[in-house]
N, C-alpha and C. Protein backbone atom coordinates (compact mmCIF):
# COMPACT_ATOMS: atom_id res chain seq x y z
N MET A 1 -15.44 2.76 -29.90
CA MET A 1 -14.16 2.93 -30.60
C MET A 1 -13.95 4.50 -30.53
N ALA A 2 -12.69 5.00 -30.16
CA ALA A 2 -12.42 6.49 -29.92
C ALA A 2 -12.54 7.08 -31.25
N ALA A 3 -12.99 8.19 -31.22
CA ALA A 3 -12.85 9.14 -32.60
C ALA A 3 -11.19 9.51 -32.75
N ALA A 4 -10.92 9.60 -34.04
CA ALA A 4 -9.65 10.10 -34.29
C ALA A 4 -9.40 11.50 -33.79
N VAL A 5 -8.18 11.83 -33.32
CA VAL A 5 -7.99 13.24 -32.84
C VAL A 5 -7.32 13.94 -34.09
N ASP A 6 -7.52 15.33 -33.87
CA ASP A 6 -6.95 16.28 -34.85
C ASP A 6 -5.28 16.55 -34.58
N LEU A 7 -4.46 15.78 -35.40
CA LEU A 7 -3.10 15.79 -34.95
C LEU A 7 -2.59 17.38 -35.21
N SER A 8 -3.34 18.07 -35.99
CA SER A 8 -2.79 19.71 -35.82
C SER A 8 -2.75 20.20 -34.72
N THR A 9 -3.47 19.67 -33.63
CA THR A 9 -3.38 20.23 -32.26
C THR A 9 -2.38 19.58 -31.32
N HIS A 10 -1.75 18.66 -31.96
CA HIS A 10 -0.67 17.94 -31.03
C HIS A 10 0.73 18.83 -31.39
N PRO A 11 1.27 19.29 -30.35
CA PRO A 11 2.68 19.94 -30.57
C PRO A 11 3.71 18.89 -30.94
N GLY A 12 3.93 17.82 -30.32
CA GLY A 12 4.82 16.72 -30.84
C GLY A 12 4.71 16.31 -32.09
N HIS A 13 3.56 16.01 -32.62
CA HIS A 13 3.23 15.79 -34.28
C HIS A 13 3.82 16.91 -35.05
N LEU A 14 3.50 18.15 -34.61
CA LEU A 14 3.83 19.31 -35.43
C LEU A 14 5.32 19.52 -35.39
N ALA A 15 5.92 19.29 -34.23
CA ALA A 15 7.49 19.46 -33.89
C ALA A 15 8.21 18.36 -34.74
N ARG A 16 7.74 17.14 -34.82
CA ARG A 16 8.21 16.08 -35.71
C ARG A 16 8.19 16.60 -37.19
N ARG A 17 7.07 17.04 -37.64
CA ARG A 17 7.01 17.44 -38.99
C ARG A 17 7.99 18.50 -39.27
N LEU A 18 8.20 19.43 -38.30
CA LEU A 18 9.09 20.50 -38.41
C LEU A 18 10.71 20.21 -38.60
N GLN A 19 10.85 19.00 -37.53
CA GLN A 19 12.22 18.47 -37.79
C GLN A 19 12.39 17.77 -38.86
N GLN A 20 11.45 17.26 -39.44
CA GLN A 20 11.67 16.47 -40.50
C GLN A 20 12.10 17.55 -41.79
N ALA A 21 11.22 18.59 -41.82
CA ALA A 21 11.46 19.35 -42.83
C ALA A 21 13.11 20.19 -42.72
N HIS A 22 13.34 20.31 -41.41
CA HIS A 22 14.71 20.99 -41.11
C HIS A 22 15.86 19.88 -41.58
N TYR A 23 15.38 18.47 -41.28
CA TYR A 23 16.60 17.61 -41.68
C TYR A 23 16.78 17.60 -43.34
N LEU A 24 15.56 17.64 -44.00
CA LEU A 24 15.79 17.55 -45.28
C LEU A 24 16.53 18.92 -45.83
N LEU A 25 16.10 20.00 -45.33
CA LEU A 25 16.97 21.08 -45.96
C LEU A 25 18.26 21.11 -45.35
N TRP A 26 18.42 20.72 -44.18
CA TRP A 26 19.84 20.58 -43.67
C TRP A 26 20.72 19.92 -44.77
N ASN A 27 20.30 18.39 -44.85
CA ASN A 27 20.94 17.46 -45.83
C ASN A 27 21.22 18.18 -47.25
N THR A 28 20.13 18.60 -47.95
CA THR A 28 20.12 19.38 -49.22
C THR A 28 21.06 20.58 -49.35
N MET A 29 20.85 21.54 -48.39
CA MET A 29 21.52 22.93 -48.47
C MET A 29 22.63 23.18 -47.64
N VAL A 30 22.72 22.44 -46.45
CA VAL A 30 24.13 22.64 -45.53
C VAL A 30 25.22 21.77 -45.49
N SER A 31 24.85 20.47 -45.51
CA SER A 31 25.88 19.28 -45.36
C SER A 31 25.28 17.99 -45.02
N GLU A 32 25.67 16.97 -45.97
CA GLU A 32 25.36 15.72 -45.61
C GLU A 32 26.49 14.84 -44.69
N GLU A 33 27.44 15.56 -44.57
CA GLU A 33 28.64 15.03 -43.39
C GLU A 33 28.56 15.60 -42.00
N ILE A 34 28.17 16.92 -42.04
CA ILE A 34 28.26 17.54 -40.60
C ILE A 34 26.79 17.70 -40.32
N THR A 35 26.19 17.23 -39.10
CA THR A 35 24.95 17.20 -38.69
C THR A 35 24.54 18.61 -38.05
N SER A 36 23.44 18.95 -37.92
CA SER A 36 22.80 20.12 -37.20
C SER A 36 23.45 20.20 -35.58
N PRO A 37 23.50 18.94 -34.76
CA PRO A 37 24.01 19.17 -33.57
C PRO A 37 25.65 19.24 -33.73
N GLN A 38 26.17 18.77 -34.72
CA GLN A 38 27.80 19.01 -34.86
C GLN A 38 28.05 20.42 -35.18
N PHE A 39 27.29 20.95 -36.01
CA PHE A 39 27.47 22.43 -36.21
C PHE A 39 27.19 23.37 -34.88
N ALA A 40 26.24 22.82 -34.26
CA ALA A 40 25.86 23.74 -33.05
C ALA A 40 27.14 23.41 -32.09
N VAL A 41 27.72 22.37 -31.87
CA VAL A 41 29.23 22.24 -30.97
C VAL A 41 30.12 23.19 -31.90
N LEU A 42 30.40 23.12 -33.01
CA LEU A 42 31.51 24.08 -33.66
C LEU A 42 31.08 25.25 -33.35
N ASN A 43 29.73 25.92 -33.48
CA ASN A 43 29.55 27.14 -33.35
C ASN A 43 29.86 27.55 -31.97
N THR A 44 29.30 26.89 -30.82
CA THR A 44 29.65 27.19 -29.37
C THR A 44 31.15 27.32 -29.27
N LEU A 45 31.94 26.58 -29.73
CA LEU A 45 33.58 26.50 -29.48
C LEU A 45 33.96 27.68 -30.39
N VAL A 46 33.25 28.23 -31.44
CA VAL A 46 33.70 29.54 -31.94
C VAL A 46 33.49 30.73 -30.93
N ALA A 47 32.30 30.52 -30.47
CA ALA A 47 32.01 31.69 -29.48
C ALA A 47 32.77 31.58 -28.11
N GLU A 48 33.01 30.42 -27.69
CA GLU A 48 33.78 30.02 -26.34
C GLU A 48 34.52 29.02 -26.55
N PRO A 49 35.63 29.42 -27.10
CA PRO A 49 36.89 28.37 -27.13
C PRO A 49 37.35 28.00 -25.73
N GLY A 50 37.53 26.50 -25.91
CA GLY A 50 38.08 26.09 -24.62
C GLY A 50 37.29 25.55 -23.70
N LEU A 51 35.85 25.47 -23.88
CA LEU A 51 35.12 24.80 -23.03
C LEU A 51 35.31 23.49 -22.75
N ASP A 52 34.77 22.92 -21.87
CA ASP A 52 34.98 21.28 -21.60
C ASP A 52 33.62 20.82 -22.21
N GLN A 53 33.70 19.52 -22.28
CA GLN A 53 32.47 18.84 -23.06
C GLN A 53 31.17 18.89 -22.44
N ARG A 54 31.18 18.71 -21.09
CA ARG A 54 29.97 18.95 -20.24
C ARG A 54 29.22 20.19 -20.64
N THR A 55 30.10 21.31 -20.43
CA THR A 55 29.78 22.78 -20.80
C THR A 55 28.97 22.84 -22.17
N VAL A 56 29.83 22.44 -23.05
CA VAL A 56 29.35 22.25 -24.41
C VAL A 56 27.88 21.76 -24.56
N GLY A 57 27.83 20.55 -24.06
CA GLY A 57 26.57 19.82 -24.13
C GLY A 57 25.54 20.76 -23.48
N GLU A 58 25.72 21.45 -22.43
CA GLU A 58 24.57 22.39 -21.69
C GLU A 58 24.29 23.31 -22.64
N ARG A 59 25.37 23.90 -23.32
CA ARG A 59 24.90 25.12 -24.11
C ARG A 59 24.27 25.00 -25.30
N VAL A 60 24.32 23.77 -25.93
CA VAL A 60 23.62 23.28 -27.10
C VAL A 60 22.31 22.34 -26.61
N GLY A 61 22.44 22.08 -25.50
CA GLY A 61 21.01 21.04 -25.17
C GLY A 61 21.07 19.67 -25.56
N LEU A 62 22.35 19.28 -25.47
CA LEU A 62 22.63 17.78 -25.75
C LEU A 62 23.09 16.97 -24.31
N ASP A 63 22.46 15.83 -24.36
CA ASP A 63 22.73 14.99 -23.06
C ASP A 63 24.23 14.60 -23.13
N ARG A 64 24.76 13.92 -22.10
CA ARG A 64 26.03 13.69 -21.87
C ARG A 64 26.57 12.63 -22.98
N SER A 65 25.78 11.55 -23.27
CA SER A 65 26.27 10.76 -24.16
C SER A 65 26.08 11.19 -25.60
N THR A 66 25.06 12.02 -25.83
CA THR A 66 25.09 12.40 -27.40
C THR A 66 26.20 13.39 -27.56
N VAL A 67 26.48 14.31 -26.57
CA VAL A 67 27.82 15.09 -26.92
C VAL A 67 28.94 14.50 -26.82
N ALA A 68 29.10 13.50 -26.22
CA ALA A 68 30.47 12.56 -26.28
C ALA A 68 30.44 11.95 -27.67
N GLU A 69 29.42 11.57 -28.31
CA GLU A 69 29.38 10.92 -29.58
C GLU A 69 29.60 12.20 -30.66
N VAL A 70 29.07 13.23 -30.37
CA VAL A 70 29.33 14.33 -31.33
C VAL A 70 30.84 14.65 -31.42
N VAL A 71 31.33 14.99 -30.29
CA VAL A 71 32.58 15.35 -30.07
C VAL A 71 33.63 14.20 -30.62
N GLY A 72 33.14 13.09 -30.30
CA GLY A 72 34.29 12.12 -30.76
C GLY A 72 34.27 12.07 -32.31
N ARG A 73 33.01 12.14 -32.95
CA ARG A 73 33.01 12.45 -34.52
C ARG A 73 33.81 13.74 -34.99
N LEU A 74 33.69 14.81 -34.40
CA LEU A 74 34.30 15.86 -34.91
C LEU A 74 35.88 15.92 -34.60
N THR A 75 36.15 15.10 -33.45
CA THR A 75 37.69 15.13 -33.28
C THR A 75 38.21 14.02 -34.38
N ARG A 76 37.53 12.97 -34.56
CA ARG A 76 37.91 11.90 -35.47
C ARG A 76 38.09 12.62 -37.10
N ARG A 77 37.34 13.65 -37.33
CA ARG A 77 37.40 14.28 -38.53
C ARG A 77 38.14 15.31 -38.41
N GLU A 78 38.98 15.40 -37.42
CA GLU A 78 40.00 16.66 -37.23
C GLU A 78 39.36 17.95 -37.46
N LEU A 79 38.19 18.17 -36.85
CA LEU A 79 37.58 19.48 -36.68
C LEU A 79 37.59 20.12 -35.32
N LEU A 80 38.17 19.34 -34.48
CA LEU A 80 38.53 19.84 -33.08
C LEU A 80 39.37 18.90 -32.33
N ASP A 81 40.14 19.63 -31.52
CA ASP A 81 40.95 18.98 -30.75
C ASP A 81 40.63 19.09 -29.14
N LYS A 82 41.01 17.89 -28.40
CA LYS A 82 40.54 17.86 -26.91
C LYS A 82 42.10 18.07 -26.43
N VAL A 83 42.10 19.26 -25.58
CA VAL A 83 43.50 19.50 -24.93
C VAL A 83 43.17 19.31 -23.36
N ARG A 84 44.01 18.60 -22.69
CA ARG A 84 44.16 18.21 -21.26
C ARG A 84 44.31 19.74 -20.64
N ASP A 85 43.39 20.00 -19.61
CA ASP A 85 43.61 21.10 -18.70
C ASP A 85 44.66 20.79 -17.81
N PRO A 86 45.57 21.89 -17.75
CA PRO A 86 46.79 21.83 -17.01
C PRO A 86 46.43 21.84 -15.37
N ASP A 87 45.24 22.50 -15.22
CA ASP A 87 44.76 22.53 -13.67
C ASP A 87 44.04 21.43 -13.11
N ASP A 88 43.43 20.68 -14.12
CA ASP A 88 42.51 19.53 -13.71
C ASP A 88 42.79 18.58 -14.80
N GLY A 89 43.57 17.38 -14.35
CA GLY A 89 44.02 16.43 -15.20
C GLY A 89 42.94 15.49 -16.05
N ARG A 90 41.82 15.56 -15.18
CA ARG A 90 40.68 14.85 -15.83
C ARG A 90 39.78 15.64 -16.74
N ARG A 91 40.07 16.82 -16.86
CA ARG A 91 39.18 17.70 -17.77
C ARG A 91 39.82 17.88 -19.16
N PHE A 92 38.96 18.08 -20.08
CA PHE A 92 39.54 18.38 -21.29
C PHE A 92 39.01 19.90 -21.95
N SER A 93 39.82 20.50 -22.39
CA SER A 93 39.24 21.61 -23.19
C SER A 93 39.08 21.45 -24.72
N LEU A 94 38.07 22.03 -25.24
CA LEU A 94 37.71 21.64 -26.56
C LEU A 94 37.98 22.98 -27.49
N ARG A 95 38.87 22.78 -28.57
CA ARG A 95 39.19 23.77 -29.36
C ARG A 95 39.18 23.38 -30.96
N LEU A 96 38.54 24.25 -31.69
CA LEU A 96 38.50 23.93 -33.07
C LEU A 96 39.99 23.98 -33.70
N THR A 97 40.04 23.15 -34.55
CA THR A 97 41.30 23.19 -35.54
C THR A 97 41.12 24.30 -36.60
N ALA A 98 42.08 24.60 -37.38
CA ALA A 98 41.90 25.28 -38.44
C ALA A 98 40.95 24.99 -39.41
N GLU A 99 40.95 23.61 -39.73
CA GLU A 99 39.68 22.80 -40.63
C GLU A 99 38.26 23.07 -39.90
N GLY A 100 38.35 22.75 -38.58
CA GLY A 100 37.09 23.29 -38.02
C GLY A 100 36.38 24.64 -38.16
N ARG A 101 37.34 25.39 -38.07
CA ARG A 101 37.01 26.94 -38.22
C ARG A 101 36.66 27.18 -39.67
N ARG A 102 37.46 26.69 -40.55
CA ARG A 102 36.93 26.55 -42.13
C ARG A 102 35.53 26.09 -42.33
N THR A 103 35.32 24.93 -41.66
CA THR A 103 34.21 24.32 -41.80
C THR A 103 33.03 24.96 -41.22
N HIS A 104 33.18 25.69 -40.00
CA HIS A 104 32.38 26.52 -39.42
C HIS A 104 31.67 27.76 -40.32
N ARG A 105 32.86 28.29 -40.83
CA ARG A 105 32.61 29.45 -41.85
C ARG A 105 31.70 29.11 -42.95
N LYS A 106 32.07 28.07 -43.49
CA LYS A 106 31.36 27.68 -44.79
C LYS A 106 29.87 27.24 -44.50
N LEU A 107 29.89 26.64 -43.17
CA LEU A 107 28.39 26.07 -43.00
C LEU A 107 27.54 27.39 -42.35
N THR A 108 28.10 28.37 -41.87
CA THR A 108 27.48 29.52 -41.29
C THR A 108 26.73 30.11 -42.55
N VAL A 109 27.57 30.22 -43.67
CA VAL A 109 26.87 30.92 -44.81
C VAL A 109 25.67 29.87 -45.33
N ARG A 110 25.93 28.71 -45.48
CA ARG A 110 24.88 27.74 -45.91
C ARG A 110 23.66 27.79 -45.04
N THR A 111 23.80 27.76 -43.55
CA THR A 111 22.74 27.81 -42.83
C THR A 111 21.85 28.95 -42.86
N ALA A 112 22.54 30.07 -43.03
CA ALA A 112 21.89 31.26 -43.28
C ALA A 112 20.99 31.44 -44.53
N ARG A 113 21.40 30.63 -45.42
CA ARG A 113 20.52 30.43 -46.71
C ARG A 113 19.27 29.51 -46.21
N MET A 114 19.74 28.46 -45.65
CA MET A 114 18.76 27.59 -45.19
C MET A 114 17.52 28.08 -44.47
N ASN A 115 17.82 28.86 -43.44
CA ASN A 115 17.11 29.24 -42.50
C ASN A 115 16.31 30.57 -43.33
N GLN A 116 16.38 31.09 -44.18
CA GLN A 116 15.63 32.09 -45.17
C GLN A 116 14.59 31.30 -45.65
N ILE A 117 14.76 30.09 -46.08
CA ILE A 117 13.99 29.30 -47.01
C ILE A 117 12.99 28.51 -46.13
N PHE A 118 13.66 28.18 -45.00
CA PHE A 118 12.80 27.44 -43.79
C PHE A 118 11.63 28.56 -43.38
N LEU A 119 12.09 29.55 -43.03
CA LEU A 119 11.21 30.76 -42.54
C LEU A 119 10.32 31.46 -43.52
N ALA A 120 10.70 31.23 -44.55
CA ALA A 120 9.89 31.98 -45.51
C ALA A 120 8.35 32.06 -45.71
N PRO A 121 7.90 31.21 -44.98
CA PRO A 121 6.33 31.21 -45.05
C PRO A 121 5.85 32.29 -43.92
N LEU A 122 6.71 32.84 -43.20
CA LEU A 122 6.52 33.76 -42.22
C LEU A 122 7.05 35.17 -42.34
N SER A 123 6.29 36.35 -41.90
CA SER A 123 6.89 37.73 -42.20
C SER A 123 7.87 37.89 -41.17
N THR A 124 8.71 38.95 -41.19
CA THR A 124 9.64 39.22 -40.33
C THR A 124 9.02 39.25 -38.69
N ALA A 125 8.02 39.71 -38.53
CA ALA A 125 7.44 40.03 -37.15
C ALA A 125 6.85 38.57 -36.84
N GLU A 126 6.33 37.72 -37.68
CA GLU A 126 5.98 36.49 -37.38
C GLU A 126 7.20 35.56 -37.10
N GLN A 127 8.36 35.78 -37.48
CA GLN A 127 9.61 35.01 -37.46
C GLN A 127 9.88 35.48 -35.75
N THR A 128 9.74 36.67 -35.56
CA THR A 128 10.25 37.21 -34.06
C THR A 128 9.33 36.33 -33.20
N VAL A 129 7.89 36.38 -33.33
CA VAL A 129 7.01 35.88 -32.57
C VAL A 129 7.36 34.19 -32.24
N PHE A 130 7.33 33.74 -33.62
CA PHE A 130 7.82 32.28 -33.78
C PHE A 130 8.87 31.85 -32.76
N PHE A 131 10.04 32.64 -32.92
CA PHE A 131 11.37 32.23 -32.09
C PHE A 131 11.13 32.57 -30.74
N GLU A 132 10.16 33.55 -30.25
CA GLU A 132 10.09 33.80 -28.72
C GLU A 132 9.12 32.78 -28.42
N LEU A 133 8.17 32.35 -29.14
CA LEU A 133 7.27 31.05 -28.60
C LEU A 133 8.16 29.70 -28.45
N ILE A 134 8.70 29.28 -29.49
CA ILE A 134 9.40 28.20 -29.48
C ILE A 134 10.42 28.05 -28.50
N GLN A 135 11.22 29.36 -28.37
CA GLN A 135 12.00 29.28 -27.41
C GLN A 135 11.51 29.08 -25.86
N ARG A 136 10.44 29.59 -25.70
CA ARG A 136 9.68 29.52 -24.23
C ARG A 136 9.33 27.93 -24.09
N VAL A 137 8.81 27.44 -25.09
CA VAL A 137 8.17 25.78 -25.22
C VAL A 137 9.70 25.11 -24.86
N ALA A 138 10.70 25.35 -25.66
CA ALA A 138 12.03 24.48 -25.60
C ALA A 138 12.52 24.77 -24.12
N ASP A 139 12.45 25.99 -23.59
CA ASP A 139 13.03 26.30 -22.14
C ASP A 139 12.18 25.37 -21.18
N ALA A 140 11.01 25.51 -21.37
CA ALA A 140 10.13 24.71 -20.37
C ALA A 140 10.25 23.32 -20.52
N ALA A 141 10.55 22.78 -21.72
CA ALA A 141 10.88 21.38 -21.97
C ALA A 141 12.00 20.85 -21.21
N GLU A 142 13.19 21.86 -21.45
CA GLU A 142 14.49 21.58 -20.73
C GLU A 142 14.13 21.30 -19.01
N GLY A 143 13.29 22.08 -18.69
CA GLY A 143 13.07 22.12 -17.26
C GLY A 143 12.39 20.80 -16.79
N LEU A 144 11.62 20.01 -17.88
CA LEU A 144 11.07 18.83 -17.38
C LEU A 144 12.10 17.70 -17.00
N ARG A 145 13.41 17.99 -17.58
CA ARG A 145 14.54 17.07 -17.25
C ARG A 145 14.88 17.03 -15.69
N ASP A 146 14.62 18.07 -15.12
CA ASP A 146 15.13 18.50 -13.83
C ASP A 146 13.90 17.86 -12.84
N PRO A 147 14.26 16.89 -11.97
CA PRO A 147 13.38 16.42 -11.13
C PRO A 147 12.75 17.28 -10.15
N ASP A 148 13.46 18.30 -9.89
CA ASP A 148 13.05 19.60 -8.85
C ASP A 148 12.12 20.41 -9.60
N THR A 149 12.06 20.37 -10.66
CA THR A 149 11.28 21.55 -11.60
C THR A 149 9.83 21.64 -11.07
N THR A 150 9.33 22.87 -11.24
CA THR A 150 8.18 23.18 -11.09
C THR A 150 7.26 23.47 -12.29
N ALA A 151 7.73 23.06 -13.42
CA ALA A 151 7.20 23.21 -14.60
C ALA A 151 5.95 22.62 -14.80
N LEU A 152 5.67 21.47 -14.35
CA LEU A 152 4.45 20.62 -14.34
C LEU A 152 3.50 21.23 -13.28
N THR A 153 3.94 21.73 -12.27
CA THR A 153 2.82 22.16 -11.34
C THR A 153 2.57 23.61 -11.41
N GLY A 154 3.20 24.65 -12.15
CA GLY A 154 3.02 25.71 -12.11
C GLY A 154 4.18 26.82 -12.24
């Protein structure tokens, strides 16, 4: 029989625990109605109004089916509009509604408070290192989706 492994050395286990903590804080402090991925879409469209759905998904790291579902929910909640591109009838530009902009402003304040609590165990310098490291791992993980990637070989 194999000996038990130390799960504190397994990044997937720690990432899941981190995600569970984030989910709990999000639902408690930010919103029970708008999810973190939905906020990411709203935030992207504040920064870059008029992006198409595919580009929004790329910006926030959501696959095609997930971004379609998120955009559908935000559209049904009247937080964003889909506008047909006059140059390409197959393409839709996404724009926040007035309610979408109000919702984004409200949630931005709440996410800032939540992030302070979430990161409280770390000093400012440790937070900087944490973000640099987690961004590097996340970027490498994104590369694993691409079959031409060299992330596995070097």
